[in-house]
Amino acid sequence: NTVYLQMNSLKPEDTAVYYCNRRSPWVAWGQGTQVT
């Protein structure tokens, strides 16, 4: 029950808080994880 996101060749514009959710409709959001 896990989804992954492999991020390569990262750019400064990728800086954000990343969240997962179902595509639609959303359920309650998690806390996210910061990528800088």
Full PDB file with SEQRES, HELIX, SHEET, SSBOND, CRYST1, ORIGX, SCALE, CONECT and MASTER records, all heavy atoms in Angstrom:
SEQRES   1 A   36  ASN THR VAL TYR LEU GLN MET ASN SER LEU LYS PRO GLU          
SEQRES   2 A   36  ASP THR ALA VAL TYR TYR CYS ASN ARG ARG SER PRO TRP          
SEQRES   3 A   36  VAL ALA TRP GLY GLN GLY THR GLN VAL THR                      
HELIX    1 AA1 PRO A   12  ASP A   14  5                                   3    
SHEET    1 AA1 2 ALA A  16  TYR A  18  0                                        
SHEET    2 AA1 2 THR A  33  VAL A  35 -1                                        
CRYST1    1.000    1.000    1.000  90.00  90.00  90.00 P 1           1          
ORIGX1      1.000000  0.000000  0.000000        0.00000                         
ORIGX2      0.000000  1.000000  0.000000        0.00000                         
ORIGX3      0.000000  0.000000  1.000000        0.00000                         
SCALE1      1.000000  0.000000  0.000000        0.00000                         
SCALE2      0.000000  1.000000  0.000000        0.00000                         
SCALE3      0.000000  0.000000  1.000000        0.00000                         
ATOM      1  N   ASN A   1       0.835  -1.215   0.000  1.00  0.00           N  
ATOM      2  CA  ASN A   1       0.000   0.000   0.000  1.00  0.00           C  
ATOM      3  C   ASN A   1       0.865   1.259   0.000  1.00  0.00           C  
ATOM      4  O   ASN A   1       0.606   2.225   0.738  1.00  0.00           O  
ATOM      5  CB  ASN A   1      -0.938   0.010   1.212  1.00  0.00           C  
ATOM      6  CG  ASN A   1      -1.902  -1.148   1.201  1.00  0.00           C  
ATOM      7  OD1 ASN A   1      -2.307  -1.619   0.146  1.00  0.00           O  
ATOM      8  ND2 ASN A   1      -2.259  -1.635   2.378  1.00  0.00           N  
ATOM      9  N   THR A   2       1.887   1.253  -0.821  1.00  0.00           N  
ATOM     10  CA  THR A   2       2.848   2.346  -0.851  1.00  0.00           C  
ATOM     11  C   THR A   2       3.059   2.818  -2.281  1.00  0.00           C  
ATOM     12  O   THR A   2       3.138   2.007  -3.209  1.00  0.00           O  
ATOM     13  CB  THR A   2       4.193   1.911  -0.238  1.00  0.00           C  
ATOM     14  OG1 THR A   2       3.977   1.494   1.123  1.00  0.00           O  
ATOM     15  CG2 THR A   2       5.200   3.050  -0.250  1.00  0.00           C  
ATOM     16  N   VAL A   3       3.141   4.120  -2.436  1.00  0.00           N  
ATOM     17  CA  VAL A   3       3.455   4.718  -3.730  1.00  0.00           C  
ATOM     18  C   VAL A   3       4.759   5.494  -3.576  1.00  0.00           C  
ATOM     19  O   VAL A   3       5.024   6.088  -2.526  1.00  0.00           O  
ATOM     20  CB  VAL A   3       2.298   5.619  -4.219  1.00  0.00           C  
ATOM     21  CG1 VAL A   3       2.005   6.751  -3.265  1.00  0.00           C  
ATOM     22  CG2 VAL A   3       2.568   6.145  -5.613  1.00  0.00           C  
ATOM     23  N   TYR A   4       5.566   5.452  -4.619  1.00  0.00           N  
ATOM     24  CA  TYR A   4       6.887   6.067  -4.590  1.00  0.00           C  
ATOM     25  C   TYR A   4       7.008   7.135  -5.680  1.00  0.00           C  
ATOM     26  O   TYR A   4       6.304   7.103  -6.678  1.00  0.00           O  
ATOM     27  CB  TYR A   4       7.969   5.008  -4.826  1.00  0.00           C  
ATOM     28  CG  TYR A   4       7.930   3.852  -3.857  1.00  0.00           C  
ATOM     29  CD1 TYR A   4       7.287   2.664  -4.195  1.00  0.00           C  
ATOM     30  CD2 TYR A   4       8.521   3.951  -2.600  1.00  0.00           C  
ATOM     31  CE1 TYR A   4       7.247   1.591  -3.305  1.00  0.00           C  
ATOM     32  CE2 TYR A   4       8.482   2.893  -1.709  1.00  0.00           C  
ATOM     33  CZ  TYR A   4       7.843   1.722  -2.063  1.00  0.00           C  
ATOM     34  OH  TYR A   4       7.794   0.673  -1.178  1.00  0.00           O  
ATOM     35  N   LEU A   5       7.937   8.047  -5.467  1.00  0.00           N  
ATOM     36  CA  LEU A   5       8.297   9.011  -6.492  1.00  0.00           C  
ATOM     37  C   LEU A   5       9.821   9.111  -6.518  1.00  0.00           C  
ATOM     38  O   LEU A   5      10.419   9.672  -5.592  1.00  0.00           O  
ATOM     39  CB  LEU A   5       7.677  10.383  -6.234  1.00  0.00           C  
ATOM     40  CG  LEU A   5       7.867  11.391  -7.362  1.00  0.00           C  
ATOM     41  CD1 LEU A   5       7.083  10.947  -8.603  1.00  0.00           C  
ATOM     42  CD2 LEU A   5       7.418  12.788  -6.926  1.00  0.00           C  
ATOM     43  N   GLN A   6      10.420   8.548  -7.548  1.00  0.00           N  
ATOM     44  CA  GLN A   6      11.858   8.663  -7.752  1.00  0.00           C  
ATOM     45  C   GLN A   6      12.121   9.942  -8.517  1.00  0.00           C  
ATOM     46  O   GLN A   6      11.604  10.122  -9.622  1.00  0.00           O  
ATOM     47  CB  GLN A   6      12.396   7.459  -8.521  1.00  0.00           C  
ATOM     48  CG  GLN A   6      13.872   7.539  -8.828  1.00  0.00           C  
ATOM     49  CD  GLN A   6      14.740   7.454  -7.577  1.00  0.00           C  
ATOM     50  OE1 GLN A   6      14.494   6.642  -6.690  1.00  0.00           O  
ATOM     51  NE2 GLN A   6      15.758   8.307  -7.504  1.00  0.00           N  
ATOM     52  N   MET A   7      12.907  10.819  -7.931  1.00  0.00           N  
ATOM     53  CA  MET A   7      13.165  12.125  -8.532  1.00  0.00           C  
ATOM     54  C   MET A   7      14.650  12.241  -8.836  1.00  0.00           C  
ATOM     55  O   MET A   7      15.479  12.209  -7.919  1.00  0.00           O  
ATOM     56  CB  MET A   7      12.729  13.239  -7.581  1.00  0.00           C  
ATOM     57  CG  MET A   7      11.284  13.122  -7.139  1.00  0.00           C  
ATOM     58  SD  MET A   7      10.706  14.540  -6.174  1.00  0.00           S  
ATOM     59  CE  MET A   7      11.777  14.410  -4.756  1.00  0.00           C  
ATOM     60  N   ASN A   8      14.963  12.354 -10.108  1.00  0.00           N  
ATOM     61  CA  ASN A   8      16.346  12.492 -10.563  1.00  0.00           C  
ATOM     62  C   ASN A   8      16.549  13.851 -11.227  1.00  0.00           C  
ATOM     63  O   ASN A   8      15.580  14.515 -11.589  1.00  0.00           O  
ATOM     64  CB  ASN A   8      16.697  11.376 -11.543  1.00  0.00           C  
ATOM     65  CG  ASN A   8      16.586   9.991 -10.931  1.00  0.00           C  
ATOM     66  OD1 ASN A   8      16.832   9.804  -9.742  1.00  0.00           O  
ATOM     67  ND2 ASN A   8      16.205   9.026 -11.740  1.00  0.00           N  
ATOM     68  N   SER A   9      17.792  14.225 -11.381  1.00  0.00           N  
ATOM     69  CA  SER A   9      18.121  15.503 -12.039  1.00  0.00           C  
ATOM     70  C   SER A   9      17.305  16.644 -11.462  1.00  0.00           C  
ATOM     71  O   SER A   9      16.728  17.452 -12.195  1.00  0.00           O  
ATOM     72  CB  SER A   9      17.887  15.385 -13.551  1.00  0.00           C  
ATOM     73  OG  SER A   9      18.661  14.332 -14.105  1.00  0.00           O  
ATOM     74  N   LEU A  10      17.269  16.720 -10.161  1.00  0.00           N  
ATOM     75  CA  LEU A  10      16.448  17.725  -9.490  1.00  0.00           C  
ATOM     76  C   LEU A  10      16.915  19.132  -9.800  1.00  0.00           C  
ATOM     77  O   LEU A  10      18.117  19.392  -9.966  1.00  0.00           O  
ATOM     78  CB  LEU A  10      16.450  17.477  -7.991  1.00  0.00           C  
ATOM     79  CG  LEU A  10      15.527  16.333  -7.542  1.00  0.00           C  
ATOM     80  CD1 LEU A  10      15.898  15.836  -6.152  1.00  0.00           C  
ATOM     81  CD2 LEU A  10      14.076  16.791  -7.567  1.00  0.00           C  
ATOM     82  N   LYS A  11      15.938  20.036  -9.867  1.00  0.00           N  
ATOM     83  CA  LYS A  11      16.188  21.444 -10.168  1.00  0.00           C  
ATOM     84  C   LYS A  11      15.671  22.296  -9.013  1.00  0.00           C  
ATOM     85  O   LYS A  11      14.755  21.878  -8.293  1.00  0.00           O  
ATOM     86  CB  LYS A  11      15.460  21.838 -11.455  1.00  0.00           C  
ATOM     87  CG  LYS A  11      15.819  21.001 -12.664  1.00  0.00           C  
ATOM     88  CD  LYS A  11      14.973  21.400 -13.863  1.00  0.00           C  
ATOM     89  CE  LYS A  11      15.311  20.584 -15.096  1.00  0.00           C  
ATOM     90  NZ  LYS A  11      14.481  20.965 -16.266  1.00  0.00           N  
ATOM     91  N   PRO A  12      16.203  23.494  -8.857  1.00  0.00           N  
ATOM     92  CA  PRO A  12      15.699  24.375  -7.785  1.00  0.00           C  
ATOM     93  C   PRO A  12      14.188  24.598  -7.870  1.00  0.00           C  
ATOM     94  O   PRO A  12      13.528  24.723  -6.832  1.00  0.00           O  
ATOM     95  CB  PRO A  12      16.480  25.667  -8.013  1.00  0.00           C  
ATOM     96  CG  PRO A  12      17.769  25.217  -8.614  1.00  0.00           C  
ATOM     97  CD  PRO A  12      17.389  24.066  -9.502  1.00  0.00           C  
ATOM     98  N   GLU A  13      13.637  24.610  -9.050  1.00  0.00           N  
ATOM     99  CA  GLU A  13      12.196  24.818  -9.202  1.00  0.00           C  
ATOM    100  C   GLU A  13      11.369  23.619  -8.760  1.00  0.00           C  
ATOM    101  O   GLU A  13      10.135  23.691  -8.718  1.00  0.00           O  
ATOM    102  CB  GLU A  13      11.842  25.201 -10.647  1.00  0.00           C  
ATOM    103  CG  GLU A  13      12.403  24.274 -11.699  1.00  0.00           C  
ATOM    104  CD  GLU A  13      13.708  24.790 -12.306  1.00  0.00           C  
ATOM    105  OE1 GLU A  13      14.586  25.275 -11.539  1.00  0.00           O  
ATOM    106  OE2 GLU A  13      13.843  24.707 -13.542  1.00  0.00           O  
ATOM    107  N   ASP A  14      12.011  22.520  -8.423  1.00  0.00           N  
ATOM    108  CA  ASP A  14      11.302  21.376  -7.850  1.00  0.00           C  
ATOM    109  C   ASP A  14      11.090  21.543  -6.345  1.00  0.00           C  
ATOM    110  O   ASP A  14      10.406  20.722  -5.723  1.00  0.00           O  
ATOM    111  CB  ASP A  14      12.078  20.080  -8.094  1.00  0.00           C  
ATOM    112  CG  ASP A  14      12.175  19.713  -9.562  1.00  0.00           C  
ATOM    113  OD1 ASP A  14      11.165  19.868 -10.279  1.00  0.00           O  
ATOM    114  OD2 ASP A  14      13.261  19.274  -9.989  1.00  0.00           O  
ATOM    115  N   THR A  15      11.665  22.569  -5.771  1.00  0.00           N  
ATOM    116  CA  THR A  15      11.507  22.815  -4.341  1.00  0.00           C  
ATOM    117  C   THR A  15      10.035  23.032  -3.991  1.00  0.00           C  
ATOM    118  O   THR A  15       9.374  23.881  -4.581  1.00  0.00           O  
ATOM    119  CB  THR A  15      12.330  24.036  -3.915  1.00  0.00           C  
ATOM    120  OG1 THR A  15      13.722  23.746  -4.085  1.00  0.00           O  
ATOM    121  CG2 THR A  15      12.067  24.398  -2.462  1.00  0.00           C  
ATOM    122  N   ALA A  16       9.545  22.239  -3.057  1.00  0.00           N  
ATOM    123  CA  ALA A  16       8.129  22.290  -2.681  1.00  0.00           C  
ATOM    124  C   ALA A  16       7.886  21.281  -1.559  1.00  0.00           C  
ATOM    125  O   ALA A  16       8.756  20.466  -1.243  1.00  0.00           O  
ATOM    126  CB  ALA A  16       7.238  21.953  -3.864  1.00  0.00           C  
ATOM    127  N   VAL A  17       6.708  21.355  -0.995  1.00  0.00           N  
ATOM    128  CA  VAL A  17       6.230  20.274  -0.132  1.00  0.00           C  
ATOM    129  C   VAL A  17       5.484  19.294  -1.035  1.00  0.00           C  
ATOM    130  O   VAL A  17       4.611  19.698  -1.802  1.00  0.00           O  
ATOM    131  CB  VAL A  17       5.312  20.783   0.981  1.00  0.00           C  
ATOM    132  CG1 VAL A  17       4.826  19.615   1.843  1.00  0.00           C  
ATOM    133  CG2 VAL A  17       6.037  21.804   1.849  1.00  0.00           C  
ATOM    134  N   TYR A  18       5.845  18.020  -0.925  1.00  0.00           N  
ATOM    135  CA  TYR A  18       5.255  16.992  -1.768  1.00  0.00           C  
ATOM    136  C   TYR A  18       4.256  16.169  -0.960  1.00  0.00           C  
ATOM    137  O   TYR A  18       4.529  15.770   0.175  1.00  0.00           O  
ATOM    138  CB  TYR A  18       6.345  16.086  -2.336  1.00  0.00           C  
ATOM    139  CG  TYR A  18       7.118  16.724  -3.461  1.00  0.00           C  
ATOM    140  CD1 TYR A  18       7.991  17.783  -3.219  1.00  0.00           C  
ATOM    141  CD2 TYR A  18       6.955  16.300  -4.780  1.00  0.00           C  
ATOM    142  CE1 TYR A  18       8.683  18.395  -4.254  1.00  0.00           C  
ATOM    143  CE2 TYR A  18       7.643  16.892  -5.820  1.00  0.00           C  
ATOM    144  CZ  TYR A  18       8.507  17.942  -5.549  1.00  0.00           C  
ATOM    145  OH  TYR A  18       9.192  18.543  -6.584  1.00  0.00           O  
ATOM    146  N   TYR A  19       3.114  15.940  -1.569  1.00  0.00           N  
ATOM    147  CA  TYR A  19       2.029  15.194  -0.945  1.00  0.00           C  
ATOM    148  C   TYR A  19       1.575  14.069  -1.871  1.00  0.00           C  
ATOM    149  O   TYR A  19       1.668  14.181  -3.086  1.00  0.00           O  
ATOM    150  CB  TYR A  19       0.815  16.092  -0.714  1.00  0.00           C  
ATOM    151  CG  TYR A  19       1.048  17.328   0.113  1.00  0.00           C  
ATOM    152  CD1 TYR A  19       1.494  18.513  -0.468  1.00  0.00           C  
ATOM    153  CD2 TYR A  19       0.778  17.334   1.479  1.00  0.00           C  
ATOM    154  CE1 TYR A  19       1.689  19.659   0.280  1.00  0.00           C  
ATOM    155  CE2 TYR A  19       0.966  18.483   2.242  1.00  0.00           C  
ATOM    156  CZ  TYR A  19       1.419  19.641   1.635  1.00  0.00           C  
ATOM    157  OH  TYR A  19       1.606  20.771   2.381  1.00  0.00           O  
ATOM    158  N   CYS A  20       1.058  13.032  -1.270  1.00  0.00           N  
ATOM    159  CA  CYS A  20       0.370  12.026  -2.084  1.00  0.00           C  
ATOM    160  C   CYS A  20      -1.109  12.034  -1.716  1.00  0.00           C  
ATOM    161  O   CYS A  20      -1.514  12.493  -0.643  1.00  0.00           O  
ATOM    162  CB  CYS A  20       0.969  10.639  -1.890  1.00  0.00           C  
ATOM    163  SG  CYS A  20       0.645   9.891  -0.288  1.00  0.00           S  
ATOM    164  N   ASN A  21      -1.911  11.553  -2.632  1.00  0.00           N  
ATOM    165  CA  ASN A  21      -3.342  11.429  -2.423  1.00  0.00           C  
ATOM    166  C   ASN A  21      -3.878  10.594  -3.571  1.00  0.00           C  
ATOM    167  O   ASN A  21      -3.151  10.277  -4.518  1.00  0.00           O  
ATOM    168  CB  ASN A  21      -4.023  12.800  -2.395  1.00  0.00           C  
ATOM    169  CG  ASN A  21      -5.267  12.822  -1.534  1.00  0.00           C  
ATOM    170  OD1 ASN A  21      -6.108  11.932  -1.615  1.00  0.00           O  
ATOM    171  ND2 ASN A  21      -5.379  13.826  -0.684  1.00  0.00           N  
ATOM    172  N   ARG A  22      -5.116  10.223  -3.489  1.00  0.00           N  
ATOM    173  CA  ARG A  22      -5.679   9.586  -4.647  1.00  0.00           C  
ATOM    174  C   ARG A  22      -5.955  10.658  -5.696  1.00  0.00           C  
ATOM    175  O   ARG A  22      -6.058  11.841  -5.366  1.00  0.00           O  
ATOM    176  CB  ARG A  22      -6.919   8.782  -4.301  1.00  0.00           C  
ATOM    177  CG  ARG A  22      -8.075   9.542  -3.753  1.00  0.00           C  
ATOM    178  CD  ARG A  22      -9.148   8.542  -3.337  1.00  0.00           C  
ATOM    179  NE  ARG A  22     -10.343   9.218  -2.880  1.00  0.00           N  
ATOM    180  CZ  ARG A  22     -11.384   8.617  -2.349  1.00  0.00           C  
ATOM    181  NH1 ARG A  22     -11.380   7.293  -2.184  1.00  0.00           N  
ATOM    182  NH2 ARG A  22     -12.437   9.295  -1.965  1.00  0.00           N  
ATOM    183  N   ARG A  23      -6.047  10.215  -6.953  1.00  0.00           N  
ATOM    184  CA  ARG A  23      -6.182  11.176  -8.041  1.00  0.00           C  
ATOM    185  C   ARG A  23      -7.447  12.002  -7.885  1.00  0.00           C  
ATOM    186  O   ARG A  23      -7.450  13.219  -8.079  1.00  0.00           O  
ATOM    187  CB  ARG A  23      -6.173  10.421  -9.374  1.00  0.00           C  
ATOM    188  CG  ARG A  23      -6.298  11.310 -10.590  1.00  0.00           C  
ATOM    189  CD  ARG A  23      -5.114  12.226 -10.740  1.00  0.00           C  
ATOM    190  NE  ARG A  23      -5.262  13.077 -11.907  1.00  0.00           N  
ATOM    191  CZ  ARG A  23      -5.879  14.253 -11.879  1.00  0.00           C  
ATOM    192  NH1 ARG A  23      -6.392  14.701 -10.738  1.00  0.00           N  
ATOM    193  NH2 ARG A  23      -5.972  14.970 -12.989  1.00  0.00           N  
ATOM    194  N   SER A  24      -8.545  11.368  -7.547  1.00  0.00           N  
ATOM    195  CA  SER A  24      -9.806  12.077  -7.381  1.00  0.00           C  
ATOM    196  C   SER A  24     -10.850  11.085  -6.875  1.00  0.00           C  
ATOM    197  O   SER A  24     -10.850   9.935  -7.316  1.00  0.00           O  
ATOM    198  CB  SER A  24     -10.261  12.661  -8.713  1.00  0.00           C  
ATOM    199  OG  SER A  24     -11.512  13.302  -8.584  1.00  0.00           O  
ATOM    200  N   PRO A  25     -11.712  11.517  -5.993  1.00  0.00           N  
ATOM    201  CA  PRO A  25     -11.627  12.731  -5.199  1.00  0.00           C  
ATOM    202  C   PRO A  25     -10.596  12.589  -4.080  1.00  0.00           C  
ATOM    203  O   PRO A  25     -10.277  11.481  -3.664  1.00  0.00           O  
ATOM    204  CB  PRO A  25     -13.034  12.862  -4.619  1.00  0.00           C  
ATOM    205  CG  PRO A  25     -13.504  11.445  -4.493  1.00  0.00           C  
ATOM    206  CD  PRO A  25     -12.924  10.724  -5.660  1.00  0.00           C  
ATOM    207  N   TRP A  26     -10.099  13.731  -3.623  1.00  0.00           N  
ATOM    208  CA  TRP A  26      -9.090  13.681  -2.572  1.00  0.00           C  
ATOM    209  C   TRP A  26      -9.673  13.222  -1.248  1.00  0.00           C  
ATOM    210  O   TRP A  26     -10.833  13.437  -0.956  1.00  0.00           O  
ATOM    211  CB  TRP A  26      -8.493  15.079  -2.381  1.00  0.00           C  
ATOM    212  CG  TRP A  26      -7.786  15.598  -3.582  1.00  0.00           C  
ATOM    213  CD1 TRP A  26      -7.171  14.866  -4.558  1.00  0.00           C  
ATOM    214  CD2 TRP A  26      -7.597  16.971  -3.921  1.00  0.00           C  
ATOM    215  NE1 TRP A  26      -6.628  15.705  -5.499  1.00  0.00           N  
ATOM    216  CE2 TRP A  26      -6.859  16.998  -5.124  1.00  0.00           C  
ATOM    217  CE3 TRP A  26      -7.961  18.171  -3.332  1.00  0.00           C  
ATOM    218  CZ2 TRP A  26      -6.494  18.185  -5.757  1.00  0.00           C  
ATOM    219  CZ3 TRP A  26      -7.604  19.350  -3.947  1.00  0.00           C  
ATOM    220  CH2 TRP A  26      -6.878  19.357  -5.142  1.00  0.00           C  
ATOM    221  N   VAL A  27      -8.789  12.624  -0.457  1.00  0.00           N  
ATOM    222  CA  VAL A  27      -9.115  12.358   0.945  1.00  0.00           C  
ATOM    223  C   VAL A  27      -8.271  13.323   1.774  1.00  0.00           C  
ATOM    224  O   VAL A  27      -7.561  14.170   1.216  1.00  0.00           O  
ATOM    225  CB  VAL A  27      -8.816  10.888   1.323  1.00  0.00           C  
ATOM    226  CG1 VAL A  27      -9.707   9.948   0.523  1.00  0.00           C  
ATOM    227  CG2 VAL A  27      -7.344  10.559   1.091  1.00  0.00           C  
ATOM    228  N   ALA A  28      -8.347  13.212   3.092  1.00  0.00           N  
ATOM    229  CA  ALA A  28      -7.619  14.133   3.957  1.00  0.00           C  
ATOM    230  C   ALA A  28      -6.122  14.087   3.645  1.00  0.00           C  
ATOM    231  O   ALA A  28      -5.526  13.010   3.550  1.00  0.00           O  
ATOM    232  CB  ALA A  28      -7.871  13.784   5.424  1.00  0.00           C  
ATOM    233  N   TRP A  29      -5.521  15.247   3.505  1.00  0.00           N  
ATOM    234  CA  TRP A  29      -4.108  15.322   3.160  1.00  0.00           C  
ATOM    235  C   TRP A  29      -3.225  14.931   4.344  1.00  0.00           C  
ATOM    236  O   TRP A  29      -3.554  15.218   5.502  1.00  0.00           O  
ATOM    237  CB  TRP A  29      -3.749  16.737   2.720  1.00  0.00           C  
ATOM    238  CG  TRP A  29      -4.430  17.125   1.443  1.00  0.00           C  
ATOM    239  CD1 TRP A  29      -5.625  17.758   1.317  1.00  0.00           C  
ATOM    240  CD2 TRP A  29      -3.975  16.881   0.114  1.00  0.00           C  
ATOM    241  NE1 TRP A  29      -5.944  17.920  -0.009  1.00  0.00           N  
ATOM    242  CE2 TRP A  29      -4.944  17.404  -0.779  1.00  0.00           C  
ATOM    243  CE3 TRP A  29      -2.827  16.284  -0.431  1.00  0.00           C  
ATOM    244  CZ2 TRP A  29      -4.818  17.337  -2.171  1.00  0.00           C  
ATOM    245  CZ3 TRP A  29      -2.697  16.222  -1.817  1.00  0.00           C  
ATOM    246  CH2 TRP A  29      -3.683  16.742  -2.667  1.00  0.00           C  
ATOM    247  N   GLY A  30      -2.091  14.328   4.034  1.00  0.00           N  
ATOM    248  CA  GLY A  30      -1.082  14.053   5.043  1.00  0.00           C  
ATOM    249  C   GLY A  30      -0.257  15.299   5.316  1.00  0.00           C  
ATOM    250  O   GLY A  30      -0.581  16.388   4.840  1.00  0.00           O  
ATOM    251  N   GLN A  31       0.827  15.115   6.037  1.00  0.00           N  
ATOM    252  CA  GLN A  31       1.645  16.270   6.420  1.00  0.00           C  
ATOM    253  C   GLN A  31       2.588  16.694   5.304  1.00  0.00           C  
ATOM    254  O   GLN A  31       3.123  17.792   5.317  1.00  0.00           O  
ATOM    255  CB  GLN A  31       2.458  15.940   7.685  1.00  0.00           C  
ATOM    256  CG  GLN A  31       3.756  15.178   7.452  1.00  0.00           C  
ATOM    257  CD  GLN A  31       3.543  13.726   7.078  1.00  0.00           C  
ATOM    258  OE1 GLN A  31       2.432  13.194   7.159  1.00  0.00           O  
ATOM    259  NE2 GLN A  31       4.619  13.057   6.684  1.00  0.00           N  
ATOM    260  N   GLY A  32       2.774  15.844   4.325  1.00  0.00           N  
ATOM    261  CA  GLY A  32       3.684  16.150   3.231  1.00  0.00           C  
ATOM    262  C   GLY A  32       5.137  15.956   3.637  1.00  0.00           C  
ATOM    263  O   GLY A  32       5.467  15.712   4.804  1.00  0.00           O  
ATOM    264  N   THR A  33       6.015  16.058   2.656  1.00  0.00           N  
ATOM    265  CA  THR A  33       7.448  15.963   2.917  1.00  0.00           C  
ATOM    266  C   THR A  33       8.158  17.058   2.117  1.00  0.00           C  
ATOM    267  O   THR A  33       7.884  17.254   0.935  1.00  0.00           O  
ATOM    268  CB  THR A  33       7.990  14.560   2.576  1.00  0.00           C  
ATOM    269  OG1 THR A  33       9.361  14.450   2.972  1.00  0.00           O  
ATOM    270  CG2 THR A  33       7.854  14.213   1.099  1.00  0.00           C  
ATOM    271  N   GLN A  34       9.025  17.798   2.797  1.00  0.00           N  
ATOM    272  CA  GLN A  34       9.676  18.951   2.183  1.00  0.00           C  
ATOM    273  C   GLN A  34      10.840  18.507   1.305  1.00  0.00           C  
ATOM    274  O   GLN A  34      11.709  17.743   1.752  1.00  0.00           O  
ATOM    275  CB  GLN A  34      10.189  19.898   3.265  1.00  0.00           C  
ATOM    276  CG  GLN A  34      10.990  21.085   2.740  1.00  0.00           C  
ATOM    277  CD  GLN A  34      10.143  22.103   2.012  1.00  0.00           C  
ATOM    278  OE1 GLN A  34       9.098  22.524   2.514  1.00  0.00           O  
ATOM    279  NE2 GLN A  34      10.568  22.520   0.823  1.00  0.00           N  
ATOM    280  N   VAL A  35      10.863  19.009   0.091  1.00  0.00           N  
ATOM    281  CA  VAL A  35      11.992  18.807  -0.822  1.00  0.00           C  
ATOM    282  C   VAL A  35      12.577  20.178  -1.130  1.00  0.00           C  
ATOM    283  O   VAL A  35      11.862  21.070  -1.588  1.00  0.00           O  
ATOM    284  CB  VAL A  35      11.549  18.117  -2.118  1.00  0.00           C  
ATOM    285  CG1 VAL A  35      12.684  18.103  -3.131  1.00  0.00           C  
ATOM    286  CG2 VAL A  35      11.077  16.698  -1.826  1.00  0.00           C  
ATOM    287  N   THR A  36      13.856  20.333  -0.854  1.00  0.00           N  
ATOM    288  CA  THR A  36      14.548  21.584  -1.123  1.00  0.00           C  
ATOM    289  C   THR A  36      15.752  21.297  -2.002  1.00  0.00           C  
ATOM    290  O   THR A  36      16.599  20.475  -1.646  1.00  0.00           O  
ATOM    291  CB  THR A  36      15.008  22.262   0.171  1.00  0.00           C  
ATOM    292  OG1 THR A  36      13.867  22.475   1.024  1.00  0.00           O  
ATOM    293  CG2 THR A  36      15.662  23.609  -0.129  1.00  0.00           C  
TER     294      THR A  36                                                      
MASTER        0    0    0    1    2    0    0    6  293    1    0    3          
END                                                                             
